[in-house]
Amino acid sequence: MSIEIAREYLEKKGCADRIMEFDVSSATVELAAAAVGVEPARICKTLSFKLKDGSGVLIQVAGDARVDNKKYKAFFGEKAKMLSPEEVPEYTNHEIGGVCAFGVTRDDVRIYCDESMKRFESVFPACGSSNSAAEFTPDELFEISEAIEWIDVVKLP
């Protein structure tokens, strides 16, 4: 189960005690916000992409953010292509609805954090299941997820 992968990863980082599991679904930004009790923008979405060379990219973004194709192409040098639903578990170890950067084992998947999250004191990424989340400051999330760098590839409403 992928929540166990995330839990094991967060245990090694000393913060598995932050995982919250809900009796309701948190599979979408809106459902997660309702389960946690925060505004949707504070939910951290982990968006998954595939580059032309076959490698993967995970970008952790604020819940109200949308990928800006021009910014994405300027940073990565190619058009944004999201992973297919079948590819998501293969690249992330997690199913859609619980995708996070905790426990990604593929060497060819790079993890980034988007600047959109820096507006908040804390954000809530999923933890491998469609009924879980954890609270981190944006800087903690950057460190814990072993992100490569902060980037700006989204547009806000």
N, C-alpha and C. Protein backbone atom coordinates (compact mmCIF):
# COMPACT_ATOMS: atom_id res chain seq x y z
N MET A 1 0.84 -1.18 0.00
CA MET A 1 0.00 0.00 0.00
C MET A 1 0.88 1.24 0.00
N SER A 2 0.56 2.23 -0.81
CA SER A 2 1.46 3.35 -0.94
C SER A 2 1.51 4.27 0.27
N ILE A 3 0.47 4.26 1.13
CA ILE A 3 0.59 5.06 2.35
C ILE A 3 1.71 4.50 3.22
N GLU A 4 1.92 3.19 3.15
CA GLU A 4 3.01 2.58 3.92
C GLU A 4 4.37 3.00 3.36
N ILE A 5 4.46 3.15 2.06
CA ILE A 5 5.70 3.65 1.45
C ILE A 5 5.97 5.07 1.93
N ALA A 6 4.95 5.91 1.92
CA ALA A 6 5.10 7.28 2.39
C ALA A 6 5.42 7.31 3.88
N ARG A 7 4.75 6.48 4.66
CA ARG A 7 4.99 6.44 6.11
C ARG A 7 6.43 6.03 6.41
N GLU A 8 6.91 4.99 5.73
CA GLU A 8 8.28 4.53 5.93
C GLU A 8 9.27 5.65 5.56
N TYR A 9 9.01 6.33 4.46
CA TYR A 9 9.87 7.44 4.04
C TYR A 9 9.88 8.55 5.10
N LEU A 10 8.69 8.93 5.57
CA LEU A 10 8.60 10.01 6.55
C LEU A 10 9.15 9.59 7.91
N GLU A 11 9.09 8.29 8.25
CA GLU A 11 9.72 7.80 9.48
C GLU A 11 11.22 8.05 9.44
N LYS A 12 11.84 7.77 8.30
CA LYS A 12 13.28 8.00 8.15
C LYS A 12 13.63 9.48 8.28
N LYS A 13 12.68 10.35 7.95
CA LYS A 13 12.89 11.80 8.06
C LYS A 13 12.46 12.32 9.44
N GLY A 14 11.94 11.43 10.28
CA GLY A 14 11.55 11.81 11.64
C GLY A 14 10.23 12.56 11.74
N CYS A 15 9.36 12.40 10.75
CA CYS A 15 8.10 13.16 10.80
C CYS A 15 6.88 12.34 10.39
N ALA A 16 6.92 11.03 10.54
CA ALA A 16 5.76 10.19 10.22
C ALA A 16 4.58 10.49 11.13
N ASP A 17 4.86 11.06 12.31
CA ASP A 17 3.78 11.40 13.24
C ASP A 17 2.88 12.53 12.73
N ARG A 18 3.29 13.17 11.64
CA ARG A 18 2.48 14.25 11.06
C ARG A 18 1.39 13.74 10.12
N ILE A 19 1.45 12.46 9.77
CA ILE A 19 0.46 11.91 8.85
C ILE A 19 -0.92 11.90 9.51
N MET A 20 -1.88 12.46 8.80
CA MET A 20 -3.28 12.43 9.24
C MET A 20 -4.04 11.52 8.29
N GLU A 21 -4.83 10.61 8.84
CA GLU A 21 -5.69 9.76 8.01
C GLU A 21 -7.13 10.11 8.32
N PHE A 22 -7.94 10.19 7.26
CA PHE A 22 -9.31 10.64 7.39
C PHE A 22 -10.30 9.51 7.11
N ASP A 23 -11.50 9.65 7.64
CA ASP A 23 -12.59 8.71 7.36
C ASP A 23 -13.27 9.05 6.04
N VAL A 24 -12.88 10.16 5.45
CA VAL A 24 -13.45 10.62 4.17
C VAL A 24 -12.33 10.73 3.15
N SER A 25 -12.71 10.82 1.89
CA SER A 25 -11.72 10.95 0.82
C SER A 25 -11.06 12.32 0.84
N SER A 26 -9.77 12.31 0.52
CA SER A 26 -9.03 13.56 0.33
C SER A 26 -8.35 13.52 -1.04
N ALA A 27 -8.98 12.83 -1.98
CA ALA A 27 -8.39 12.55 -3.28
C ALA A 27 -8.31 13.75 -4.22
N THR A 28 -9.11 14.79 -3.96
CA THR A 28 -9.03 16.01 -4.77
C THR A 28 -8.69 17.17 -3.86
N VAL A 29 -8.30 18.28 -4.45
CA VAL A 29 -7.98 19.46 -3.66
C VAL A 29 -9.16 19.85 -2.78
N GLU A 30 -10.36 19.88 -3.36
CA GLU A 30 -11.54 20.30 -2.61
C GLU A 30 -11.85 19.33 -1.47
N LEU A 31 -11.78 18.04 -1.73
CA LEU A 31 -12.03 17.05 -0.69
C LEU A 31 -10.97 17.10 0.40
N ALA A 32 -9.71 17.27 0.01
CA ALA A 32 -8.62 17.36 0.99
C ALA A 32 -8.79 18.60 1.86
N ALA A 33 -9.15 19.73 1.24
CA ALA A 33 -9.35 20.96 2.01
C ALA A 33 -10.47 20.78 3.03
N ALA A 34 -11.55 20.12 2.64
CA ALA A 34 -12.66 19.86 3.56
C ALA A 34 -12.22 18.93 4.69
N ALA A 35 -11.46 17.88 4.36
CA ALA A 35 -11.01 16.92 5.37
C ALA A 35 -10.06 17.58 6.37
N VAL A 36 -9.15 18.41 5.87
CA VAL A 36 -8.16 19.06 6.74
C VAL A 36 -8.77 20.25 7.46
N GLY A 37 -9.69 20.96 6.78
CA GLY A 37 -10.30 22.15 7.36
C GLY A 37 -9.55 23.43 7.01
N VAL A 38 -9.03 23.49 5.79
CA VAL A 38 -8.30 24.69 5.32
C VAL A 38 -8.82 25.09 3.95
N GLU A 39 -8.39 26.26 3.49
CA GLU A 39 -8.77 26.70 2.15
C GLU A 39 -8.07 25.81 1.11
N PRO A 40 -8.70 25.55 -0.02
CA PRO A 40 -8.12 24.66 -1.04
C PRO A 40 -6.71 25.06 -1.50
N ALA A 41 -6.40 26.33 -1.54
CA ALA A 41 -5.08 26.76 -2.00
C ALA A 41 -3.96 26.19 -1.15
N ARG A 42 -4.23 25.86 0.12
CA ARG A 42 -3.19 25.33 1.02
C ARG A 42 -2.95 23.84 0.86
N ILE A 43 -3.73 23.19 0.02
CA ILE A 43 -3.47 21.77 -0.28
C ILE A 43 -2.34 21.73 -1.31
N CYS A 44 -1.35 20.93 -1.05
CA CYS A 44 -0.23 20.77 -1.98
C CYS A 44 -0.55 19.66 -2.97
N LYS A 45 -0.68 20.04 -4.24
CA LYS A 45 -0.87 19.04 -5.30
C LYS A 45 0.51 18.63 -5.80
N THR A 46 0.70 17.36 -6.03
CA THR A 46 1.94 16.88 -6.63
C THR A 46 1.61 16.47 -8.06
N LEU A 47 2.03 17.31 -9.00
CA LEU A 47 1.75 17.08 -10.41
C LEU A 47 2.88 16.27 -11.03
N SER A 48 2.52 15.29 -11.86
CA SER A 48 3.52 14.37 -12.41
C SER A 48 3.59 14.47 -13.92
N PHE A 49 4.81 14.62 -14.42
CA PHE A 49 5.06 14.81 -15.85
C PHE A 49 6.11 13.84 -16.35
N LYS A 50 6.10 13.64 -17.66
CA LYS A 50 7.09 12.79 -18.32
C LYS A 50 7.81 13.65 -19.36
N LEU A 51 9.13 13.60 -19.33
CA LEU A 51 9.93 14.33 -20.31
C LEU A 51 10.20 13.44 -21.52
N LYS A 52 10.63 14.07 -22.61
CA LYS A 52 10.87 13.33 -23.86
C LYS A 52 11.88 12.19 -23.69
N ASP A 53 12.83 12.35 -22.75
CA ASP A 53 13.83 11.30 -22.54
C ASP A 53 13.30 10.15 -21.68
N GLY A 54 12.02 10.23 -21.28
CA GLY A 54 11.41 9.17 -20.49
C GLY A 54 11.52 9.37 -18.99
N SER A 55 12.26 10.36 -18.56
CA SER A 55 12.39 10.62 -17.12
C SER A 55 11.13 11.33 -16.61
N GLY A 56 10.98 11.35 -15.31
CA GLY A 56 9.80 11.95 -14.71
C GLY A 56 10.12 13.20 -13.94
N VAL A 57 9.10 14.03 -13.77
CA VAL A 57 9.20 15.26 -13.00
C VAL A 57 7.98 15.34 -12.10
N LEU A 58 8.21 15.56 -10.81
CA LEU A 58 7.13 15.83 -9.87
C LEU A 58 7.26 17.28 -9.43
N ILE A 59 6.16 18.03 -9.53
CA ILE A 59 6.18 19.42 -9.10
C ILE A 59 5.11 19.60 -8.04
N GLN A 60 5.54 19.99 -6.85
CA GLN A 60 4.62 20.23 -5.74
C GLN A 60 4.16 21.69 -5.84
N VAL A 61 2.85 21.89 -5.96
CA VAL A 61 2.28 23.22 -6.19
C VAL A 61 1.11 23.47 -5.25
N ALA A 62 0.76 24.74 -5.08
CA ALA A 62 -0.40 25.12 -4.28
C ALA A 62 -1.67 24.62 -4.94
N GLY A 63 -2.68 24.35 -4.14
CA GLY A 63 -3.93 23.77 -4.62
C GLY A 63 -4.70 24.59 -5.63
N ASP A 64 -4.48 25.91 -5.64
CA ASP A 64 -5.19 26.77 -6.60
C ASP A 64 -4.38 27.06 -7.84
N ALA A 65 -3.21 26.47 -7.96
CA ALA A 65 -2.30 26.74 -9.08
C ALA A 65 -2.60 25.85 -10.28
N ARG A 66 -2.35 26.36 -11.46
CA ARG A 66 -2.45 25.62 -12.72
C ARG A 66 -1.12 25.78 -13.45
N VAL A 67 -0.69 24.74 -14.13
CA VAL A 67 0.56 24.83 -14.87
C VAL A 67 0.43 25.88 -15.97
N ASP A 68 1.42 26.74 -16.05
CA ASP A 68 1.51 27.73 -17.12
C ASP A 68 2.42 27.11 -18.18
N ASN A 69 1.83 26.76 -19.32
CA ASN A 69 2.60 26.04 -20.34
C ASN A 69 3.82 26.79 -20.83
N LYS A 70 3.74 28.12 -20.93
CA LYS A 70 4.90 28.91 -21.36
C LYS A 70 6.02 28.84 -20.34
N LYS A 71 5.68 28.99 -19.07
CA LYS A 71 6.69 28.92 -18.00
C LYS A 71 7.30 27.52 -17.92
N TYR A 72 6.45 26.49 -18.04
CA TYR A 72 6.93 25.12 -17.99
C TYR A 72 7.93 24.88 -19.13
N LYS A 73 7.55 25.26 -20.34
CA LYS A 73 8.43 25.05 -21.50
C LYS A 73 9.72 25.84 -21.37
N ALA A 74 9.64 27.06 -20.83
CA ALA A 74 10.85 27.87 -20.64
C ALA A 74 11.80 27.19 -19.66
N PHE A 75 11.25 26.55 -18.62
CA PHE A 75 12.12 25.91 -17.61
C PHE A 75 12.63 24.56 -18.08
N PHE A 76 11.75 23.71 -18.59
CA PHE A 76 12.13 22.34 -18.93
C PHE A 76 12.55 22.15 -20.38
N GLY A 77 12.33 23.15 -21.21
CA GLY A 77 12.76 23.07 -22.61
C GLY A 77 11.87 22.23 -23.49
N GLU A 78 10.70 21.89 -23.00
CA GLU A 78 9.74 21.12 -23.80
C GLU A 78 8.34 21.31 -23.24
N LYS A 79 7.37 20.91 -24.03
CA LYS A 79 5.97 21.04 -23.67
C LYS A 79 5.62 20.11 -22.50
N ALA A 80 4.73 20.58 -21.63
CA ALA A 80 4.29 19.77 -20.49
C ALA A 80 3.47 18.57 -20.98
N LYS A 81 3.84 17.38 -20.50
CA LYS A 81 3.10 16.15 -20.81
C LYS A 81 2.92 15.39 -19.50
N MET A 82 1.68 15.39 -19.02
CA MET A 82 1.43 14.70 -17.75
C MET A 82 1.54 13.19 -17.93
N LEU A 83 1.91 12.52 -16.85
CA LEU A 83 1.93 11.06 -16.87
C LEU A 83 0.51 10.55 -17.08
N SER A 84 0.37 9.43 -17.75
CA SER A 84 -0.94 8.80 -17.89
C SER A 84 -1.32 8.17 -16.54
N PRO A 85 -2.61 7.91 -16.32
CA PRO A 85 -3.01 7.27 -15.06
C PRO A 85 -2.26 5.95 -14.81
N GLU A 86 -1.94 5.23 -15.87
CA GLU A 86 -1.21 3.96 -15.72
C GLU A 86 0.25 4.18 -15.34
N GLU A 87 0.82 5.29 -15.79
CA GLU A 87 2.24 5.58 -15.51
C GLU A 87 2.48 6.14 -14.12
N VAL A 88 1.46 6.79 -13.55
CA VAL A 88 1.63 7.47 -12.26
C VAL A 88 2.22 6.54 -11.19
N PRO A 89 1.64 5.36 -10.91
CA PRO A 89 2.22 4.50 -9.88
C PRO A 89 3.64 4.02 -10.23
N GLU A 90 3.87 3.79 -11.51
CA GLU A 90 5.18 3.32 -11.97
C GLU A 90 6.28 4.35 -11.65
N TYR A 91 5.95 5.63 -11.79
CA TYR A 91 6.93 6.70 -11.56
C TYR A 91 6.96 7.17 -10.12
N THR A 92 5.83 7.10 -9.41
CA THR A 92 5.74 7.72 -8.08
C THR A 92 5.60 6.76 -6.91
N ASN A 93 5.23 5.51 -7.16
CA ASN A 93 4.88 4.53 -6.12
C ASN A 93 3.54 4.81 -5.47
N HIS A 94 2.75 5.74 -6.02
CA HIS A 94 1.46 6.11 -5.45
C HIS A 94 0.39 6.18 -6.54
N GLU A 95 -0.84 5.92 -6.12
CA GLU A 95 -1.98 6.01 -7.04
C GLU A 95 -2.49 7.44 -7.10
N ILE A 96 -3.18 7.77 -8.19
CA ILE A 96 -3.82 9.08 -8.31
C ILE A 96 -4.75 9.27 -7.12
N GLY A 97 -4.72 10.46 -6.55
CA GLY A 97 -5.50 10.76 -5.35
C GLY A 97 -4.66 10.73 -4.10
N GLY A 98 -3.47 10.11 -4.20
CA GLY A 98 -2.55 10.05 -3.06
C GLY A 98 -1.12 10.36 -3.46
N VAL A 99 -0.94 10.88 -4.67
CA VAL A 99 0.41 11.13 -5.17
C VAL A 99 1.13 12.17 -4.31
N CYS A 100 2.35 11.82 -3.94
CA CYS A 100 3.20 12.72 -3.16
C CYS A 100 4.65 12.41 -3.51
N ALA A 101 5.55 13.21 -3.00
CA ALA A 101 6.97 13.03 -3.29
C ALA A 101 7.66 12.19 -2.21
N PHE A 102 6.90 11.52 -1.37
CA PHE A 102 7.45 10.72 -0.27
C PHE A 102 7.55 9.26 -0.68
N GLY A 103 8.76 8.77 -0.89
CA GLY A 103 8.95 7.37 -1.22
C GLY A 103 9.10 7.08 -2.70
N VAL A 104 9.43 8.09 -3.48
CA VAL A 104 9.70 7.89 -4.91
C VAL A 104 11.06 7.21 -5.01
N THR A 105 11.11 6.06 -5.67
CA THR A 105 12.34 5.28 -5.69
C THR A 105 13.07 5.29 -7.04
N ARG A 106 12.42 5.79 -8.07
CA ARG A 106 13.07 5.83 -9.39
C ARG A 106 14.14 6.91 -9.41
N ASP A 107 15.31 6.55 -9.92
CA ASP A 107 16.42 7.51 -10.03
C ASP A 107 16.18 8.57 -11.09
N ASP A 108 15.28 8.29 -12.03
CA ASP A 108 15.05 9.24 -13.13
C ASP A 108 13.83 10.14 -12.90
N VAL A 109 13.42 10.30 -11.65
CA VAL A 109 12.33 11.21 -11.31
C VAL A 109 12.90 12.34 -10.46
N ARG A 110 12.74 13.57 -10.98
CA ARG A 110 13.23 14.75 -10.26
C ARG A 110 12.05 15.44 -9.59
N ILE A 111 12.30 15.96 -8.39
CA ILE A 111 11.25 16.58 -7.59
C ILE A 111 11.55 18.07 -7.43
N TYR A 112 10.51 18.88 -7.63
CA TYR A 112 10.62 20.34 -7.50
C TYR A 112 9.50 20.85 -6.61
N CYS A 113 9.70 22.05 -6.07
CA CYS A 113 8.65 22.77 -5.35
C CYS A 113 8.38 24.07 -6.10
N ASP A 114 7.12 24.39 -6.28
CA ASP A 114 6.76 25.62 -6.95
C ASP A 114 6.60 26.75 -5.94
N GLU A 115 7.02 27.94 -6.36
CA GLU A 115 6.96 29.14 -5.53
C GLU A 115 5.55 29.44 -5.02
N SER A 116 4.53 28.93 -5.70
CA SER A 116 3.14 29.22 -5.32
C SER A 116 2.83 28.82 -3.87
N MET A 117 3.58 27.87 -3.33
CA MET A 117 3.31 27.43 -1.95
C MET A 117 3.89 28.38 -0.91
N LYS A 118 4.84 29.21 -1.31
CA LYS A 118 5.50 30.10 -0.35
C LYS A 118 4.58 31.17 0.22
N ARG A 119 3.37 31.30 -0.33
CA ARG A 119 2.40 32.27 0.19
C ARG A 119 1.83 31.85 1.54
N PHE A 120 2.03 30.60 1.91
CA PHE A 120 1.37 30.05 3.09
C PHE A 120 2.37 29.66 4.18
N GLU A 121 1.89 29.75 5.41
CA GLU A 121 2.70 29.33 6.55
C GLU A 121 2.91 27.82 6.50
N SER A 122 1.86 27.10 6.08
CA SER A 122 1.98 25.65 5.95
C SER A 122 1.08 25.16 4.81
N VAL A 123 1.45 23.99 4.28
CA VAL A 123 0.68 23.34 3.21
C VAL A 123 0.48 21.87 3.57
N PHE A 124 -0.43 21.22 2.85
CA PHE A 124 -0.84 19.86 3.18
C PHE A 124 -0.76 18.94 1.97
N PRO A 125 0.37 18.25 1.77
CA PRO A 125 0.44 17.25 0.69
C PRO A 125 -0.22 15.94 1.13
N ALA A 126 -0.63 15.15 0.14
CA ALA A 126 -1.12 13.80 0.41
C ALA A 126 0.05 12.96 0.93
N CYS A 127 -0.28 11.81 1.47
CA CYS A 127 0.76 10.90 1.98
C CYS A 127 0.56 9.48 1.44
N GLY A 128 0.33 9.39 0.14
CA GLY A 128 0.29 8.09 -0.50
C GLY A 128 -1.06 7.42 -0.60
N SER A 129 -2.08 8.00 0.01
CA SER A 129 -3.42 7.40 -0.10
C SER A 129 -4.44 8.50 -0.37
N SER A 130 -5.64 8.09 -0.74
CA SER A 130 -6.69 9.06 -1.06
C SER A 130 -7.47 9.50 0.18
N ASN A 131 -6.90 9.26 1.36
CA ASN A 131 -7.52 9.75 2.59
C ASN A 131 -6.45 10.13 3.63
N SER A 132 -5.39 10.78 3.14
CA SER A 132 -4.30 11.16 4.04
C SER A 132 -3.71 12.51 3.64
N ALA A 133 -3.04 13.13 4.60
CA ALA A 133 -2.31 14.37 4.37
C ALA A 133 -1.35 14.57 5.54
N ALA A 134 -0.44 15.51 5.39
CA ALA A 134 0.46 15.91 6.47
C ALA A 134 0.69 17.41 6.33
N GLU A 135 1.00 18.05 7.43
CA GLU A 135 1.23 19.50 7.40
C GLU A 135 2.72 19.81 7.50
N PHE A 136 3.20 20.63 6.57
CA PHE A 136 4.59 21.08 6.56
C PHE A 136 4.66 22.54 6.17
N THR A 137 5.67 23.25 6.67
CA THR A 137 5.92 24.57 6.10
C THR A 137 6.47 24.32 4.69
N PRO A 138 6.36 25.29 3.79
CA PRO A 138 6.93 25.07 2.45
C PRO A 138 8.41 24.69 2.49
N ASP A 139 9.18 25.33 3.35
CA ASP A 139 10.61 25.00 3.43
C ASP A 139 10.84 23.58 3.96
N GLU A 140 10.04 23.16 4.94
CA GLU A 140 10.14 21.78 5.42
C GLU A 140 9.82 20.80 4.30
N LEU A 141 8.76 21.08 3.55
CA LEU A 141 8.38 20.20 2.45
C LEU A 141 9.50 20.11 1.42
N PHE A 142 10.13 21.22 1.12
CA PHE A 142 11.26 21.24 0.19
C PHE A 142 12.36 20.29 0.68
N GLU A 143 12.72 20.41 1.95
CA GLU A 143 13.78 19.57 2.52
C GLU A 143 13.37 18.11 2.61
N ILE A 144 12.20 17.85 3.17
CA ILE A 144 11.75 16.48 3.40
C ILE A 144 11.56 15.72 2.09
N SER A 145 11.06 16.41 1.06
CA SER A 145 10.83 15.74 -0.23
C SER A 145 12.10 15.65 -1.08
N GLU A 146 13.18 16.24 -0.57
CA GLU A 146 14.47 16.26 -1.29
C GLU A 146 14.31 16.88 -2.67
N ALA A 147 13.56 17.99 -2.70
CA ALA A 147 13.36 18.72 -3.95
C ALA A 147 14.68 19.29 -4.44
N ILE A 148 14.79 19.43 -5.74
CA ILE A 148 16.01 19.94 -6.37
C ILE A 148 16.10 21.45 -6.25
N GLU A 149 14.97 22.13 -6.55
CA GLU A 149 14.97 23.59 -6.44
C GLU A 149 13.54 24.12 -6.44
N TRP A 150 13.43 25.39 -6.03
CA TRP A 150 12.18 26.12 -6.13
C TRP A 150 12.06 26.63 -7.56
N ILE A 151 10.89 26.44 -8.17
CA ILE A 151 10.68 26.92 -9.52
C ILE A 151 9.36 27.68 -9.61
N ASP A 152 9.15 28.38 -10.72
CA ASP A 152 7.91 29.12 -10.94
C ASP A 152 7.35 28.71 -12.29
N VAL A 153 6.45 27.72 -12.28
CA VAL A 153 5.90 27.21 -13.56
C VAL A 153 4.37 27.17 -13.55
N VAL A 154 3.74 27.95 -12.66
CA VAL A 154 2.29 27.94 -12.58
C VAL A 154 1.71 29.34 -12.71
N LYS A 155 0.39 29.36 -12.90
CA LYS A 155 -0.35 30.61 -12.83
C LYS A 155 -1.39 30.45 -11.73
N LEU A 156 -1.68 31.55 -11.07
CA LEU A 156 -2.66 31.54 -9.99
C LEU A 156 -3.94 32.21 -10.46
N PRO A 157 -5.07 31.89 -9.82
CA PRO A 157 -6.34 32.49 -10.25
C PRO A 157 -6.35 34.01 -10.04
